[in-house]
Protein backbone atom coordinates (compact mmCIF):
# COMPACT_ATOMS: atom_id res chain seq x y z
CA MET A 1 25.40 91.72 17.99
CA GLU A 2 25.07 87.98 17.70
CA PRO A 3 28.02 87.50 15.26
CA LEU A 4 30.20 89.68 17.49
CA PHE A 5 29.23 87.66 20.52
CA ILE A 6 30.02 84.42 18.73
CA LEU A 7 33.39 85.76 17.67
CA CYS A 8 34.20 86.71 21.26
CA ILE A 9 33.27 83.26 22.47
CA LEU A 10 35.43 81.64 19.80
CA ALA A 11 38.32 83.95 20.68
CA LEU A 12 38.05 82.99 24.34
CA ILE A 13 38.01 79.31 23.44
CA VAL A 14 41.09 79.68 21.24
CA ILE A 15 43.00 81.65 23.86
CA SER A 16 42.09 79.21 26.63
CA SER A 17 43.20 76.27 24.50
CA ALA A 18 46.54 77.95 23.96
CA ILE A 19 47.28 78.23 27.68
CA VAL A 20 48.76 75.10 29.33
CA THR A 21 49.72 74.74 32.99
CA VAL A 22 52.27 72.02 33.82
CA GLN A 23 52.64 70.88 37.44
CA GLN A 24 55.98 70.85 39.24
CA GLY A 25 57.77 67.50 38.84
CA THR A 26 55.97 66.89 35.56
CA VAL A 27 56.61 67.59 31.87
CA ALA A 28 54.09 67.60 29.03
CA VAL A 29 54.75 66.16 25.58
CA THR A 30 52.90 67.80 22.68
CA THR A 31 52.23 66.62 19.14
CA ILE A 32 51.07 68.35 15.97
CA PHE A 33 48.99 66.13 13.74
CA GLY A 34 50.27 63.10 15.67
CA LYS A 35 53.99 63.94 15.38
CA TYR A 36 56.19 64.90 18.33
CA SER A 37 56.44 68.65 18.64
CA ARG A 38 58.12 69.66 21.90
CA THR A 39 58.27 69.21 25.68
CA LEU A 40 56.62 71.71 27.99
CA THR A 41 58.34 72.36 31.33
CA PRO A 42 56.60 73.05 34.68
CA GLY A 43 54.75 76.35 34.91
CA LEU A 44 52.63 78.40 32.48
CA ASN A 45 53.11 77.46 28.81
CA PHE A 46 51.51 78.42 25.51
CA LYS A 47 50.86 76.12 22.58
CA VAL A 48 49.42 76.45 19.13
CA PRO A 49 45.63 76.47 19.60
CA ILE A 50 43.66 73.51 18.34
CA ILE A 51 46.55 72.13 16.25
CA GLU A 52 49.08 71.38 19.01
CA GLN A 53 47.79 68.72 21.44
CA ILE A 54 49.02 67.42 24.82
CA PHE A 55 49.98 63.83 24.06
CA ARG A 56 51.12 62.75 27.57
CA ARG A 57 52.09 64.19 30.90
CA ILE A 58 55.15 62.47 32.37
CA SER A 59 56.14 62.61 36.03
CA SER A 60 59.86 62.94 36.75
CA GLN A 61 59.36 62.02 40.40
CA ASN A 62 60.32 58.70 41.96
CA ARG A 63 57.65 56.05 41.74
CA SER A 64 57.27 52.68 43.43
CA VAL A 65 55.34 49.50 42.95
CA GLU A 66 55.07 46.37 45.09
CA ILE A 67 54.72 42.96 43.50
CA GLU A 68 54.29 39.40 44.78
CA PHE A 69 55.28 36.27 42.86
CA GLN A 70 56.90 32.89 43.33
CA ALA A 71 59.98 31.20 41.93
CA ILE A 72 61.30 27.61 41.92
CA THR A 73 64.78 26.71 43.14
CA GLN A 74 67.18 24.20 41.61
CA ASP A 75 65.93 21.52 44.02
CA GLN A 76 62.26 22.22 43.13
CA ALA A 77 61.28 24.29 46.19
CA ASN A 78 58.71 27.07 45.84
CA VAL A 79 59.91 30.46 47.09
CA HIS A 80 57.45 33.33 47.57
CA PHE A 81 58.81 36.85 47.08
CA LYS A 82 57.34 40.20 48.04
CA THR A 83 59.31 42.88 46.21
CA MET A 84 59.28 46.67 46.13
CA ILE A 85 60.55 48.40 42.98
CA LEU A 86 61.62 52.06 43.09
CA TYR A 87 62.15 53.69 39.70
CA SER A 88 62.04 57.06 37.92
CA VAL A 89 62.57 58.75 34.58
CA LEU A 90 66.27 58.83 33.76
CA ASP A 91 66.46 62.62 33.27
CA ASN A 92 64.60 65.54 31.68
CA GLU A 93 66.54 65.51 28.43
CA GLU A 94 64.37 65.74 25.30
CA ALA A 95 65.59 62.39 23.94
CA THR A 96 64.80 60.67 27.22
CA ILE A 97 61.34 62.21 27.40
CA GLN A 98 60.60 61.02 23.86
CA LYS A 99 61.57 57.44 24.84
CA VAL A 100 59.29 57.53 27.85
CA ALA A 101 56.42 59.01 25.88
CA PHE A 102 56.52 56.80 22.79
CA LYS A 103 58.11 53.43 23.77
CA PHE A 104 54.86 52.09 25.23
CA VAL A 105 51.27 52.65 24.28
CA ASN A 106 50.36 53.64 27.84
CA GLU A 107 51.58 53.56 31.43
CA GLN A 108 49.92 50.19 32.09
CA ASP A 109 51.93 48.48 29.36
CA PHE A 110 55.18 49.90 30.74
CA MET A 111 54.31 48.76 34.27
CA ARG A 112 53.48 45.26 33.01
CA ALA A 113 56.80 45.04 31.18
CA LEU A 114 58.73 46.29 34.23
CA ILE A 115 57.11 43.80 36.59
CA ARG A 116 57.59 40.86 34.23
CA SER A 117 61.23 41.81 33.71
CA VAL A 118 61.89 41.89 37.45
CA GLU A 119 60.07 38.60 38.00
CA GLY A 120 61.93 36.93 35.12
CA SER A 121 65.33 38.08 36.36
CA ILE A 122 64.70 36.85 39.90
CA ARG A 123 63.26 33.53 38.70
CA SER A 124 66.24 32.87 36.43
CA TYR A 125 68.65 33.55 39.30
CA VAL A 126 66.73 31.46 41.85
CA ALA A 127 66.54 28.53 39.41
CA THR A 128 70.33 28.16 39.67
CA ARG A 129 70.35 28.01 43.50
CA LYS A 130 69.20 25.55 46.13
CA GLN A 131 66.63 26.38 48.80
CA ALA A 132 69.22 26.38 51.61
CA GLU A 133 71.13 29.18 49.82
CA ILE A 134 68.26 31.56 49.03
CA LEU A 135 67.87 33.27 52.41
CA SER A 136 71.57 34.14 52.54
CA LEU A 137 71.64 35.50 48.96
CA ARG A 138 69.22 38.42 49.31
CA ARG A 139 71.85 41.05 48.41
CA GLU A 140 73.26 38.97 45.55
CA ILE A 141 69.78 38.58 44.03
CA VAL A 142 69.21 42.33 44.11
CA HIS A 143 72.56 43.08 42.50
CA ASP A 144 72.03 40.48 39.77
CA VAL A 145 68.56 41.82 38.90
CA LYS A 146 69.76 45.44 38.80
CA ASP A 147 72.67 44.53 36.55
CA GLN A 148 70.29 42.86 34.08
CA LEU A 149 67.60 45.56 34.12
CA ASP A 150 69.69 48.73 34.06
CA HIS A 151 70.45 48.45 30.33
CA VAL A 152 66.86 47.55 29.41
CA LEU A 153 65.37 50.38 31.46
CA TYR A 154 67.89 52.81 29.99
CA GLU A 155 66.52 52.01 26.54
CA TRP A 156 63.04 52.78 27.85
CA GLY A 157 64.15 56.10 29.39
CA TYR A 158 63.90 54.90 32.98
CA HIS A 159 66.29 54.12 35.82
CA LEU A 160 65.89 51.40 38.47
CA ILE A 161 66.75 53.19 41.72
CA ASP A 162 66.24 50.35 44.17
CA LEU A 163 64.92 46.83 44.43
CA GLN A 164 64.03 45.50 47.87
CA LEU A 165 63.16 41.92 48.70
CA ASN A 166 60.90 42.65 51.66
CA ASP A 167 59.84 39.05 52.25
CA ILE A 168 61.17 35.65 51.20
CA ALA A 169 59.04 32.69 52.28
CA PHE A 170 58.85 28.98 51.47
CA ASP A 171 55.90 26.63 51.41
CA GLU A 172 54.64 25.54 54.84
CA ALA A 173 56.02 22.01 54.54
CA ILE A 174 59.47 23.31 53.59
CA THR A 175 59.36 25.88 56.39
CA ARG A 176 58.58 23.14 58.93
CA SER A 177 61.40 20.92 57.65
CA MET A 178 63.85 23.83 57.73
CA ALA A 179 62.78 24.62 61.29
CA GLN A 180 63.37 20.97 62.25
CA VAL A 181 66.82 21.08 60.68
CA VAL A 182 67.67 24.25 62.58
CA ALA A 183 66.29 22.79 65.82
CA SER A 184 68.29 19.57 65.41
CA SER A 185 71.42 21.56 64.60
CA ASN A 186 70.88 23.68 67.71
CA LEU A 187 70.39 20.54 69.83
CA LYS A 188 73.55 19.03 68.38
CA ALA A 189 75.52 22.21 69.05
CA ALA A 190 74.10 22.39 72.57
CA ALA A 191 75.07 18.76 73.22
CA GLU A 192 78.57 19.37 71.91
CA ASN A 193 78.91 22.50 74.03
CA GLU A 194 77.61 20.66 77.07
CA GLY A 195 80.07 17.82 76.45
CA GLN A 196 82.92 20.27 76.09
CA ALA A 197 81.84 22.06 79.27
CA LEU A 198 81.61 18.75 81.15
CA LEU A 199 85.03 17.73 79.86
CA ILE A 200 86.52 21.05 80.93
CA THR A 201 84.83 20.76 84.33
CA LYS A 202 86.11 17.22 84.85
CA THR A 203 89.59 18.20 83.67
CA LYS A 204 89.72 21.21 85.95
CA ALA A 205 88.41 19.14 88.87
CA ALA A 206 91.05 16.47 88.23
CA GLU A 207 93.74 19.15 88.01
CA ALA A 208 92.45 20.69 91.25
CA ASP A 209 92.46 17.29 92.98
CA GLY A 210 95.96 16.60 91.71
CA ASN A 211 97.18 19.98 92.86
CA ALA A 212 95.49 19.46 96.24
CA ILE A 213 97.16 16.06 96.64
CA LYS A 214 100.48 17.53 95.58
CA ILE A 215 100.12 20.43 98.01
CA ALA A 216 99.00 18.08 100.80
CA ALA A 217 101.95 15.75 100.12
CA GLU A 218 104.34 18.67 100.10
CA ALA A 219 102.83 19.96 103.31
CA GLU A 220 103.05 16.50 104.87
CA LYS A 221 106.67 16.25 103.77
CA ILE A 222 107.50 19.61 105.34
CA ALA A 223 105.51 18.69 108.46
CA ALA A 224 107.36 15.37 108.74
CA GLN A 225 110.68 17.15 108.38
CA LEU A 226 109.69 19.64 111.05
CA ARG A 227 108.46 16.85 113.34
CA GLY A 228 111.73 15.00 112.84
CA GLN A 229 113.69 18.12 113.59
CA GLY A 230 111.53 18.72 116.67
CA VAL A 231 112.01 15.17 117.91
CA ALA A 232 115.75 15.43 117.30
CA LEU A 233 115.92 18.73 119.18
CA PHE A 234 113.78 17.24 121.94
CA ARG A 235 116.10 14.29 122.26
CA GLN A 236 119.12 16.55 122.28
CA GLU A 237 117.61 18.66 125.04
CA VAL A 238 116.61 15.56 127.00
CA ALA A 239 120.11 14.17 126.67
CA LYS A 240 121.61 17.46 127.79
CA GLY A 241 119.21 17.65 130.70
CA MET A 242 119.90 14.08 131.76
CA THR A 243 123.64 14.63 131.44
CA GLU A 244 123.50 17.73 133.61
CA ALA A 245 121.22 15.98 136.10
CA ALA A 246 123.59 13.00 136.27
CA LYS A 247 126.53 15.30 136.89
CA GLU A 248 124.66 17.11 139.66
CA MET A 249 123.69 13.84 141.30
CA GLU A 250 127.25 12.55 140.98
CA ASN A 251 128.57 15.70 142.60
CA ALA A 252 125.94 15.36 145.34
CA GLN A 253 126.81 11.65 145.70
CA LEU A 254 123.19 10.60 145.11
CA ASP A 255 122.03 7.33 143.69
CA SER A 256 121.09 7.46 140.01
CA SER A 257 117.96 5.51 140.75
CA VAL A 258 116.47 8.69 142.15
CA LEU A 259 116.74 10.21 138.67
CA MET A 260 115.10 7.18 137.17
CA PHE A 261 112.29 7.41 139.69
CA VAL A 262 111.69 11.05 138.86
CA MET A 263 111.63 10.25 135.09
CA TRP A 264 109.19 7.42 135.78
CA THR A 265 106.79 9.64 137.70
CA GLU A 266 107.06 12.40 135.06
CA ALA A 267 106.26 9.88 132.37
CA LEU A 268 103.14 8.71 134.24
CA LYS A 269 102.06 12.32 134.70
CA HIS A 270 102.56 13.03 131.00
CA PHE A 271 100.55 9.97 130.01
CA ALA A 272 97.70 11.05 132.27
CA GLU A 273 97.64 14.62 130.96
CA THR A 274 97.96 13.99 127.23
CA GLY A 275 96.40 10.59 126.82
CA LYS A 276 93.01 12.01 125.64
CA GLY A 277 91.14 8.90 126.70
CA ASN A 278 93.46 6.45 124.96
CA VAL A 279 94.15 3.25 126.91
CA ILE A 280 97.83 2.75 127.81
CA PHE A 281 98.71 -0.34 129.80
CA LEU A 282 101.48 0.30 132.40
CA ASP A 283 102.50 -1.74 135.35
CA GLY A 284 101.96 0.74 138.20
CA SER A 285 103.00 -1.63 140.96
CA THR A 286 106.15 -1.18 142.97
CA GLU A 287 107.63 -4.30 141.40
CA GLY A 288 106.87 -2.99 137.96
CA MET A 289 108.42 0.37 138.74
CA GLN A 290 111.56 -1.32 140.13
CA LYS A 291 111.75 -3.55 137.08
CA ASN A 292 111.51 -0.59 134.66
CA VAL A 293 114.04 1.46 136.69
CA LYS A 294 116.50 -1.45 136.67
CA GLU A 295 116.10 -1.86 132.89
CA MET A 296 116.62 1.88 132.34
CA MET A 297 119.72 1.84 134.63
CA ALA A 298 121.09 -1.14 132.79
CA LEU A 299 120.52 0.61 129.46
CA SER A 300 122.27 3.71 130.81
CA GLN A 301 125.24 1.61 131.99
CA VAL A 302 125.47 0.01 128.56
CA HIS A 303 125.72 3.43 126.92
CA HIS A 304 128.51 4.42 129.34
CA LEU A 305 130.67 1.31 128.68
CA PRO A 306 133.88 1.78 126.69
CA PRO A 307 133.73 0.85 122.99
CA ALA A 308 135.86 -2.30 123.47
CA THR A 309 133.57 -3.57 126.22
CA LYS A 310 130.44 -2.99 124.04
CA ARG A 311 131.94 -5.15 121.31
C-alpha cells in the first residue's frame, strides 16, 4: 500500500505542477532549461511538469510612477520637477513579450533605467533654457522628452503613454526675486494704465469744456441776435405808435407836449416797476421834467426837418 500511496502523491504533484492559472491583464513567460519556451495567455494553461518553468509574469496594464528631481537652467538656476510617468507594454505580440521579459534582469532595473532616462532628457532640455522661459515651456518639455524616449522604450518593448509635469518650482530665493519682478511689472503696468486713464479723463474734460464754451457762445450769439431783433421790433412798434399818436393829436389839435408828458410818466412807471432795487438818478422836479420834455420835442423837430435843413 505504501508504494501505491507514494505514487498517487507523486502523480498529484506532477498534475498540479502542470496546471497554471494566468490572471486577466497578465501573460506568463515560460522557459525550458533556461531557454524561452512560450507565452501563456490569461486563463487556465498547462505546461510540461517539472521541466517547463514560469520565468516571469508580465502585466499588460497601464502602470505609473511618480518621480522628483532637479535640473539646472542655462543661467544656473535650480528647477525642481515633480513628474508622473504613465507607461505600458507595447502589445501582446510574442516578440514584444520576449523583449520585456529578457531585456532587464528584473523589474527594478527597468524602472531605474526608465526614471534615469526621463530625468536625463528633461535635464538636457532645461540646460538649454533660461529660468524665465521654463514655466511657459511645460508642453514643449513633455513633447521633447517623449520624442527622445519613444524609440528607446520601443526597443525595450514598452510605450510611453503620457508624461505630466505636475509641479515646477524654483529655489526660494529665485521664487522671491521672480515675485518681485512680477510685482514691479504689475505696478508699472498699473501706473501706465492710471496715467492713460488720467490723460483720457483730462482730454475728455477739456473737450467737454470746449464744447460747453462753444455751445454757450453759440447760444449767446443766437440770444444776441434775438435780442437785437426784439429791440428792433420794439423800436419799430414804438415809432409806429408814436406816429399814430402824433397824427391823432394833430387831428385833435392838441399840443405835442402832452404826448411827451405821457411818455415821461410811463418811463418813470417802468423804472419803478422793473428797477429791481437798482439806483437810477432822475430829476423828478417840474423843472427837470420840462427840461427833458423840451429836449425830446427839440429832438423830434430835428427828425422832422427836411434833408436840406438838417445839412
